[in-house]
PDB file of N, CA and C in Angstrom:
ATOM      1  N   SER A   1     -38.689-191.448  39.935  1.00  0.00           N
ATOM      2  CA  SER A   1     -38.219-192.406  39.270  1.00  0.00           C
ATOM      3  C   SER A   1     -37.343-193.064  40.004  1.00  0.00           C
ATOM      4  N   PHE A   2     -37.117-194.661  39.712  1.00  0.00           N
ATOM      5  CA  PHE A   2     -36.153-195.603  40.219  1.00  0.00           C
ATOM      6  C   PHE A   2     -34.893-195.602  39.579  1.00  0.00           C
ATOM      7  N   THR A   3     -33.956-194.829  40.393  1.00  0.00           N
ATOM      8  CA  THR A   3     -32.466-195.604  39.247  1.00  0.00           C
ATOM      9  C   THR A   3     -31.759-195.954  40.008  1.00  0.00           C
ATOM     10  N   GLY A   4     -32.732-196.878  41.282  1.00  0.00           N
ATOM     11  CA  GLY A   4     -31.244-198.199  41.662  1.00  0.00           C
ATOM     12  C   GLY A   4     -29.890-198.009  42.266  1.00  0.00           C
ATOM     13  N   SER A   5     -29.585-196.720  41.877  1.00  0.00           N
ATOM     14  CA  SER A   5     -28.658-195.782  42.787  1.00  0.00           C
ATOM     15  C   SER A   5     -28.851-195.969  44.262  1.00  0.00           C
ATOM     16  N   ASN A   6     -27.435-196.170  45.248  1.00  0.00           N
ATOM     17  CA  ASN A   6     -28.354-196.009  46.615  1.00  0.00           C
ATOM     18  C   ASN A   6     -28.877-194.719  47.117  1.00  0.00           C
ATOM     19  N   GLY A   7     -29.510-194.959  48.054  1.00  0.00           N
ATOM     20  CA  GLY A   7     -30.804-193.644  48.306  1.00  0.00           C
ATOM     21  C   GLY A   7     -31.616-193.611  47.368  1.00  0.00           C
ATOM     22  N   SER A   8     -32.042-194.350  46.246  1.00  0.00           N
ATOM     23  CA  SER A   8     -33.034-194.156  45.741  1.00  0.00           C
ATOM     24  C   SER A   8     -34.422-194.956  45.966  1.00  0.00           C
ATOM     25  N   PHE A   9     -35.218-194.436  45.189  1.00  0.00           N
ATOM     26  CA  PHE A   9     -36.679-195.030  46.337  1.00  0.00           C
ATOM     27  C   PHE A   9     -38.015-195.368  46.038  1.00  0.00           C
ATOM     28  N   MET A  10     -38.908-195.900  45.851  1.00  0.00           N
ATOM     29  CA  MET A  10     -40.361-196.010  45.633  1.00  0.00           C
ATOM     30  C   MET A  10     -40.748-195.978  46.985  1.00  0.00           C
ATOM     31  N   GLN A  11     -42.495-194.484  46.657  1.00  0.00           N
ATOM     32  CA  GLN A  11     -42.963-195.114  47.664  1.00  0.00           C
ATOM     33  C   GLN A  11     -44.341-195.399  47.440  1.00  0.00           C
ATOM     34  N   ALA A  12     -44.870-196.225  48.163  1.00  0.00           N
ATOM     35  CA  ALA A  12     -46.015-196.068  48.262  1.00  0.00           C
ATOM     36  C   ALA A  12     -47.438-196.042  49.284  1.00  0.00           C
ATOM     37  N   VAL A  13     -48.483-195.614  49.464  1.00  0.00           N
ATOM     38  CA  VAL A  13     -49.123-194.539  50.355  1.00  0.00           C
ATOM     39  C   VAL A  13     -50.492-195.372  50.274  1.00  0.00           C
ATOM     40  N   GLY A  14     -51.499-195.738  51.359  1.00  0.00           N
ATOM     41  CA  GLY A  14     -52.165-195.722  51.511  1.00  0.00           C
ATOM     42  C   GLY A  14     -52.104-196.973  51.556  1.00  0.00           C
ATOM     43  N   LEU A  15     -51.283-197.909  52.226  1.00  0.00           N
ATOM     44  CA  LEU A  15     -51.623-199.625  52.062  1.00  0.00           C
ATOM     45  C   LEU A  15     -52.192-200.158  53.871  1.00  0.00           C
ATOM     46  N   ALA A  16     -54.103-199.202  54.371  1.00  0.00           N
ATOM     47  CA  ALA A  16     -53.918-199.607  55.315  1.00  0.00           C
ATOM     48  C   ALA A  16     -53.720-201.107  56.027  1.00  0.00           C
ATOM     49  N   ALA A  17     -53.972-202.410  55.475  1.00  0.00           N
ATOM     50  CA  ALA A  17     -54.428-203.699  55.934  1.00  0.00           C
ATOM     51  C   ALA A  17     -52.978-203.876  55.902  1.00  0.00           C
ATOM     52  N   LEU A  18     -51.584-203.242  55.770  1.00  0.00           N
ATOM     53  CA  LEU A  18     -50.320-203.259  55.694  1.00  0.00           C
ATOM     54  C   LEU A  18     -49.955-203.347  57.340  1.00  0.00           C
ATOM     55  N   SER A  19     -50.978-202.721  57.922  1.00  0.00           N
ATOM     56  CA  SER A  19     -50.972-201.600  59.434  1.00  0.00           C
ATOM     57  C   SER A  19     -51.979-202.614  60.188  1.00  0.00           C
ATOM     58  N   ILE A  20     -52.376-203.535  59.733  1.00  0.00           N
ATOM     59  CA  ILE A  20     -53.197-204.581  60.213  1.00  0.00           C
ATOM     60  C   ILE A  20     -53.055-205.804  60.598  1.00  0.00           C
ATOM     61  N   VAL A  21     -52.576-206.413  61.429  1.00  0.00           N
ATOM     62  CA  VAL A  21     -51.811-208.045  62.026  1.00  0.00           C
ATOM     63  C   VAL A  21     -52.814-208.717  61.184  1.00  0.00           C
ATOM     64  N   ASN A  22     -52.214-209.864  60.512  1.00  0.00           N
ATOM     65  CA  ASN A  22     -52.682-211.073  60.430  1.00  0.00           C
ATOM     66  C   ASN A  22     -53.613-210.827  59.045  1.00  0.00           C
ATOM     67  N   GLN A  23     -53.684-209.880  58.588  1.00  0.00           N
ATOM     68  CA  GLN A  23     -54.383-209.577  56.832  1.00  0.00           C
ATOM     69  C   GLN A  23     -53.170-210.163  56.156  1.00  0.00           C
ATOM     70  N   PRO A  24     -53.754-210.522  54.984  1.00  0.00           N
ATOM     71  CA  PRO A  24     -52.754-211.171  53.774  1.00  0.00           C
ATOM     72  C   PRO A  24     -52.160-209.782  53.000  1.00  0.00           C
ATOM     73  N   PHE A  25     -51.378-210.167  52.486  1.00  0.00           N
ATOM     74  CA  PHE A  25     -50.840-208.849  51.257  1.00  0.00           C
ATOM     75  C   PHE A  25     -49.727-209.252  50.283  1.00  0.00           C
ATOM     76  N   SER A  26     -49.429-208.403  49.524  1.00  0.00           N
ATOM     77  CA  SER A  26     -48.139-209.775  48.870  1.00  0.00           C
ATOM     78  C   SER A  26     -47.718-208.469  47.884  1.00  0.00           C
ATOM     79  N   ILE A  27     -46.215-208.517  47.659  1.00  0.00           N
ATOM     80  CA  ILE A  27     -45.378-207.668  47.005  1.00  0.00           C
ATOM     81  C   ILE A  27     -44.268-207.840  46.757  1.00  0.00           C
ATOM     82  N   SER A  28     -44.562-208.015  45.730  1.00  0.00           N
ATOM     83  CA  SER A  28     -43.606-208.201  44.314  1.00  0.00           C
ATOM     84  C   SER A  28     -42.566-207.299  43.715  1.00  0.00           C
ATOM     85  N   LEU A  29     -40.984-207.713  43.066  1.00  0.00           N
ATOM     86  CA  LEU A  29     -40.465-206.895  42.714  1.00  0.00           C
ATOM     87  C   LEU A  29     -39.070-207.155  42.126  1.00  0.00           C
ATOM     88  N   TRP A  30     -38.175-207.119  41.424  1.00  0.00           N
ATOM     89  CA  TRP A  30     -36.685-207.941  40.644  1.00  0.00           C
ATOM     90  C   TRP A  30     -36.203-206.931  41.105  1.00  0.00           C
ATOM     91  N   ILE A  31     -34.855-207.637  41.472  1.00  0.00           N
ATOM     92  CA  ILE A  31     -33.930-207.085  42.374  1.00  0.00           C
ATOM     93  C   ILE A  31     -32.545-207.652  41.380  1.00  0.00           C
ATOM     94  N   LEU A  32     -31.112-206.925  41.059  1.00  0.00           N
ATOM     95  CA  LEU A  32     -30.322-207.407  40.742  1.00  0.00           C
ATOM     96  C   LEU A  32     -29.857-206.592  41.712  1.00  0.00           C
ATOM     97  N   PRO A  33     -28.972-207.193  42.663  1.00  0.00           N
ATOM     98  CA  PRO A  33     -28.205-206.754  44.088  1.00  0.00           C
ATOM     99  C   PRO A  33     -26.586-207.073  43.269  1.00  0.00           C
ATOM    100  N   GLN A  34     -25.849-206.506  43.832  1.00  0.00           N
ATOM    101  CA  GLN A  34     -24.792-204.965  43.489  1.00  0.00           C
ATOM    102  C   GLN A  34     -23.697-205.820  44.817  1.00  0.00           C
ATOM    103  N   THR A  35     -24.096-205.468  45.757  1.00  0.00           N
ATOM    104  CA  THR A  35     -24.208-206.445  46.884  1.00  0.00           C
ATOM    105  C   THR A  35     -25.058-207.031  48.064  1.00  0.00           C
ATOM    106  N   ARG A  36     -24.842-208.217  48.371  1.00  0.00           N
ATOM    107  CA  ARG A  36     -26.152-208.480  49.410  1.00  0.00           C
ATOM    108  C   ARG A  36     -26.051-208.128  50.564  1.00  0.00           C
ATOM    109  N   SER A  37     -26.419-206.740  50.672  1.00  0.00           N
ATOM    110  CA  SER A  37     -26.844-206.633  51.779  1.00  0.00           C
ATOM    111  C   SER A  37     -28.122-205.036  51.988  1.00  0.00           C
ATOM    112  N   GLY A  38     -28.417-204.988  53.357  1.00  0.00           N
ATOM    113  CA  GLY A  38     -29.579-204.210  53.590  1.00  0.00           C
ATOM    114  C   GLY A  38     -30.560-204.855  53.624  1.00  0.00           C
ATOM    115  N   VAL A  39     -31.371-203.243  53.629  1.00  0.00           N
ATOM    116  CA  VAL A  39     -32.757-203.109  53.764  1.00  0.00           C
ATOM    117  C   VAL A  39     -33.448-203.075  52.286  1.00  0.00           C
ATOM    118  N   LEU A  40     -34.142-204.077  51.432  1.00  0.00           N
ATOM    119  CA  LEU A  40     -35.039-203.811  50.211  1.00  0.00           C
ATOM    120  C   LEU A  40     -36.281-202.980  50.777  1.00  0.00           C
ATOM    121  N   VAL A  41     -37.083-203.693  51.756  1.00  0.00           N
ATOM    122  CA  VAL A  41     -38.175-202.787  51.380  1.00  0.00           C
ATOM    123  C   VAL A  41     -38.593-202.402  52.886  1.00  0.00           C
ATOM    124  N   GLU A  42     -39.457-201.816  53.508  1.00  0.00           N
ATOM    125  CA  GLU A  42     -39.595-201.148  54.426  1.00  0.00           C
ATOM    126  C   GLU A  42     -40.742-200.362  55.076  1.00  0.00           C
ATOM    127  N   LEU A  43     -41.472-200.731  55.915  1.00  0.00           N
ATOM    128  CA  LEU A  43     -43.149-200.412  56.196  1.00  0.00           C
ATOM    129  C   LEU A  43     -42.750-199.665  57.236  1.00  0.00           C
ATOM    130  N   SER A  44     -43.130-198.513  57.841  1.00  0.00           N
ATOM    131  CA  SER A  44     -42.999-197.303  58.162  1.00  0.00           C
ATOM    132  C   SER A  44     -43.950-196.342  58.565  1.00  0.00           C
ATOM    133  N   SER A  45     -43.883-196.063  58.944  1.00  0.00           N
ATOM    134  CA  SER A  45     -45.346-194.929  59.738  1.00  0.00           C
ATOM    135  C   SER A  45     -44.887-194.240  60.449  1.00  0.00           C
ATOM    136  N   LYS A  46     -45.437-192.831  60.739  1.00  0.00           N
ATOM    137  CA  LYS A  46     -45.122-192.385  61.952  1.00  0.00           C
ATOM    138  C   LYS A  46     -44.095-192.606  63.191  1.00  0.00           C
ATOM    139  N   ASN A  47     -44.536-193.784  63.954  1.00  0.00           N
ATOM    140  CA  ASN A  47     -44.283-193.785  64.810  1.00  0.00           C
ATOM    141  C   ASN A  47     -42.961-195.149  65.001  1.00  0.00           C
ATOM    142  N   SER A  48     -42.885-195.557  64.175  1.00  0.00           N
ATOM    143  CA  SER A  48     -42.465-196.763  63.941  1.00  0.00           C
ATOM    144  C   SER A  48     -41.533-197.325  62.235  1.00  0.00           C
ATOM    145  N   CYS A  49     -40.874-198.614  61.815  1.00  0.00           N
ATOM    146  CA  CYS A  49     -40.400-198.648  60.926  1.00  0.00           C
ATOM    147  C   CYS A  49     -40.154-200.033  60.951  1.00  0.00           C
ATOM    148  N   LEU A  50     -40.222-201.013  60.503  1.00  0.00           N
ATOM    149  CA  LEU A  50     -40.219-202.277  60.186  1.00  0.00           C
ATOM    150  C   LEU A  50     -39.478-203.035  58.943  1.00  0.00           C
ATOM    151  N   PRO A  51     -38.320-203.363  58.866  1.00  0.00           N
ATOM    152  CA  PRO A  51     -38.085-203.529  57.434  1.00  0.00           C
ATOM    153  C   PRO A  51     -38.630-205.340  57.408  1.00  0.00           C
ATOM    154  N   ILE A  52     -39.520-205.511  56.079  1.00  0.00           N
ATOM    155  CA  ILE A  52     -39.986-206.502  56.106  1.00  0.00           C
ATOM    156  C   ILE A  52     -39.125-207.592  55.072  1.00  0.00           C
ATOM    157  N   LEU A  53     -38.296-206.748  54.494  1.00  0.00           N
ATOM    158  CA  LEU A  53     -37.391-207.681  53.251  1.00  0.00           C
ATOM    159  C   LEU A  53     -36.416-207.522  53.533  1.00  0.00           C
ATOM    160  N   ALA A  54     -35.451-207.851  53.652  1.00  0.00           N
ATOM    161  CA  ALA A  54     -33.750-207.415  54.233  1.00  0.00           C
ATOM    162  C   ALA A  54     -32.820-208.780  53.609  1.00  0.00           C
ATOM    163  N   PHE A  55     -31.665-207.684  53.279  1.00  0.00           N
ATOM    164  CA  PHE A  55     -30.602-208.995  53.050  1.00  0.00           C
ATOM    165  C   PHE A  55     -29.673-209.353  54.657  1.00  0.00           C
ATOM    166  N   ALA A  56     -29.353-210.782  54.921  1.00  0.00           N
ATOM    167  CA  ALA A  56     -28.843-210.586  56.332  1.00  0.00           C
ATOM    168  C   ALA A  56     -27.500-210.257  56.158  1.00  0.00           C
ATOM    169  N   ALA A  57     -26.640-210.379  57.330  1.00  0.00           N
ATOM    170  CA  ALA A  57     -25.117-210.243  57.671  1.00  0.00           C
ATOM    171  C   ALA A  57     -24.445-210.947  56.809  1.00  0.00           C
ATOM    172  N   ASN A  58     -25.142-212.415  56.749  1.00  0.00           N
ATOM    173  CA  ASN A  58     -24.394-213.520  56.153  1.00  0.00           C
ATOM    174  C   ASN A  58     -24.773-213.686  54.244  1.00  0.00           C
ATOM    175  N   GLY A  59     -25.707-212.532  54.234  1.00  0.00           N
ATOM    176  CA  GLY A  59     -26.112-212.815  52.941  1.00  0.00           C
ATOM    177  C   GLY A  59     -27.537-213.340  52.043  1.00  0.00           C
ATOM    178  N   SER A  60     -28.301-213.779  53.392  1.00  0.00           N
ATOM    179  CA  SER A  60     -29.443-214.417  52.977  1.00  0.00           C
ATOM    180  C   SER A  60     -30.434-213.691  53.113  1.00  0.00           C
ATOM    181  N   LEU A  61     -31.182-213.709  52.244  1.00  0.00           N
ATOM    182  CA  LEU A  61     -32.940-212.281  51.681  1.00  0.00           C
ATOM    183  C   LEU A  61     -33.655-213.359  53.878  1.00  0.00           C
ATOM    184  N   VAL A  62     -34.212-212.517  53.870  1.00  0.00           N
ATOM    185  CA  VAL A  62     -35.343-212.649  55.263  1.00  0.00           C
ATOM    186  C   VAL A  62     -36.203-211.780  55.056  1.00  0.00           C
ATOM    187  N   ALA A  63     -36.851-212.661  54.980  1.00  0.00           N
ATOM    188  CA  ALA A  63     -38.357-211.447  54.933  1.00  0.00           C
ATOM    189  C   ALA A  63     -39.457-211.745  56.724  1.00  0.00           C
ATOM    190  N   GLN A  64     -39.683-210.405  56.943  1.00  0.00           N
ATOM    191  CA  GLN A  64     -40.708-209.909  58.688  1.00  0.00           C
ATOM    192  C   GLN A  64     -41.683-209.371  58.102  1.00  0.00           C
ATOM    193  N   ILE A  65     -42.359-210.537  59.886  1.00  0.00           N
ATOM    194  CA  ILE A  65     -43.673-209.636  59.201  1.00  0.00           C
ATOM    195  C   ILE A  65     -44.493-209.582  60.652  1.00  0.00           C
ATOM    196  N   ALA A  66     -44.928-208.888  61.177  1.00  0.00           N
ATOM    197  CA  ALA A  66     -45.694-208.517  62.757  1.00  0.00           C
ATOM    198  C   ALA A  66     -46.715-209.856  62.059  1.00  0.00           C
ATOM    199  N   THR A  67     -47.195-210.097  63.364  1.00  0.00           N
ATOM    200  CA  THR A  67     -47.668-211.654  63.861  1.00  0.00           C
ATOM    201  C   THR A  67     -49.020-210.770  64.983  1.00  0.00           C
ATOM    202  N   ASN A  68     -48.751-210.527  65.750  1.00  0.00           N
ATOM    203  CA  ASN A  68     -48.972-209.929  66.860  1.00  0.00           C
ATOM    204  C   ASN A  68     -48.206-208.253  67.388  1.00  0.00           C
ATOM    205  N   VAL A  69     -49.070-207.285  67.812  1.00  0.00           N
ATOM    206  CA  VAL A  69     -48.166-206.219  68.310  1.00  0.00           C
ATOM    207  C   VAL A  69     -47.164-207.036  69.153  1.00  0.00           C
ATOM    208  N   GLY A  70     -46.002-205.985  68.333  1.00  0.00           N
ATOM    209  CA  GLY A  70     -44.629-206.177  69.307  1.00  0.00           C
ATOM    210  C   GLY A  70     -44.264-207.481  68.997  1.00  0.00           C
ATOM    211  N   THR A  71     -44.769-208.149  67.639  1.00  0.00           N
ATOM    212  CA  THR A  71     -43.994-209.898  67.700  1.00  0.00           C
ATOM    213  C   THR A  71     -44.109-209.723  66.427  1.00  0.00           C
ATOM    214  N   TYR A  72     -42.319-210.522  66.066  1.00  0.00           N
ATOM    215  CA  TYR A  72     -42.354-210.222  64.671  1.00  0.00           C
ATOM    216  C   TYR A  72     -41.763-212.188  64.335  1.00  0.00           C
ATOM    217  N   LYS A  73     -41.879-212.386  63.246  1.00  0.00           N
ATOM    218  CA  LYS A  73     -41.832-213.597  62.846  1.00  0.00           C
ATOM    219  C   LYS A  73     -41.266-213.607  61.242  1.00  0.00           C
ATOM    220  N   SER A  74     -39.892-213.787  61.378  1.00  0.00           N
ATOM    221  CA  SER A  74     -38.796-213.990  60.183  1.00  0.00           C
ATOM    222  C   SER A  74     -38.655-215.069  60.032  1.00  0.00           C
ATOM    223  N   VAL A  75     -38.479-215.094  58.077  1.00  0.00           N
ATOM    224  CA  VAL A  75     -38.407-216.767  57.101  1.00  0.00           C
ATOM    225  C   VAL A  75     -36.868-216.190  56.826  1.00  0.00           C
ATOM    226  N   THR A  76     -36.427-217.238  56.359  1.00  0.00           N
ATOM    227  CA  THR A  76     -34.544-216.872  55.431  1.00  0.00           C
ATOM    228  C   THR A  76     -34.435-217.718  54.893  1.00  0.00           C
ATOM    229  N   ALA A  77     -34.161-217.242  53.190  1.00  0.00           N
ATOM    230  CA  ALA A  77     -34.529-218.085  52.602  1.00  0.00           C
ATOM    231  C   ALA A  77     -33.267-219.127  52.448  1.00  0.00           C
ATOM    232  N   SER A  78     -33.636-220.235  52.022  1.00  0.00           N
ATOM    233  CA  SER A  78     -32.119-221.474  52.517  1.00  0.00           C
ATOM    234  C   SER A  78     -31.343-220.639  51.054  1.00  0.00           C
ATOM    235  N   ALA A  79     -31.433-220.693  50.004  1.00  0.00           N
ATOM    236  CA  ALA A  79     -30.349-221.103  48.819  1.00  0.00           C
ATOM    237  C   ALA A  79     -30.526-219.104  48.272  1.00  0.00           C
ATOM    238  N   LEU A  80     -29.486-218.447  47.221  1.00  0.00           N
ATOM    239  CA  LEU A  80     -29.698-217.850  46.625  1.00  0.00           C
ATOM    240  C   LEU A  80     -28.565-217.993  45.242  1.00  0.00           C
ATOM    241  N   LEU A  81     -29.782-217.793  44.557  1.00  0.00           N
ATOM    242  CA  LEU A  81     -28.707-218.163  43.287  1.00  0.00           C
ATOM    243  C   LEU A  81     -28.190-216.887  43.105  1.00  0.00           C
TER     244      LEU A  81
END
């Protein structure tokens, strides 16, 4: 269960398309952050860990995706309500 406290998490396994570059996918979640810091969604494997949705140091929301092996594209939200 997801409690929303520090250290709580949800895990989904078997999402093979996320490990293949240039495959479409979507992630949907509702959040109500008490602070705008930290990683919200992380893609991990035995050998690597990639934060794909996180808050930047200035509190902006940043999405990141692999475009090629070792190459990433980041998009920062211009405003948060």
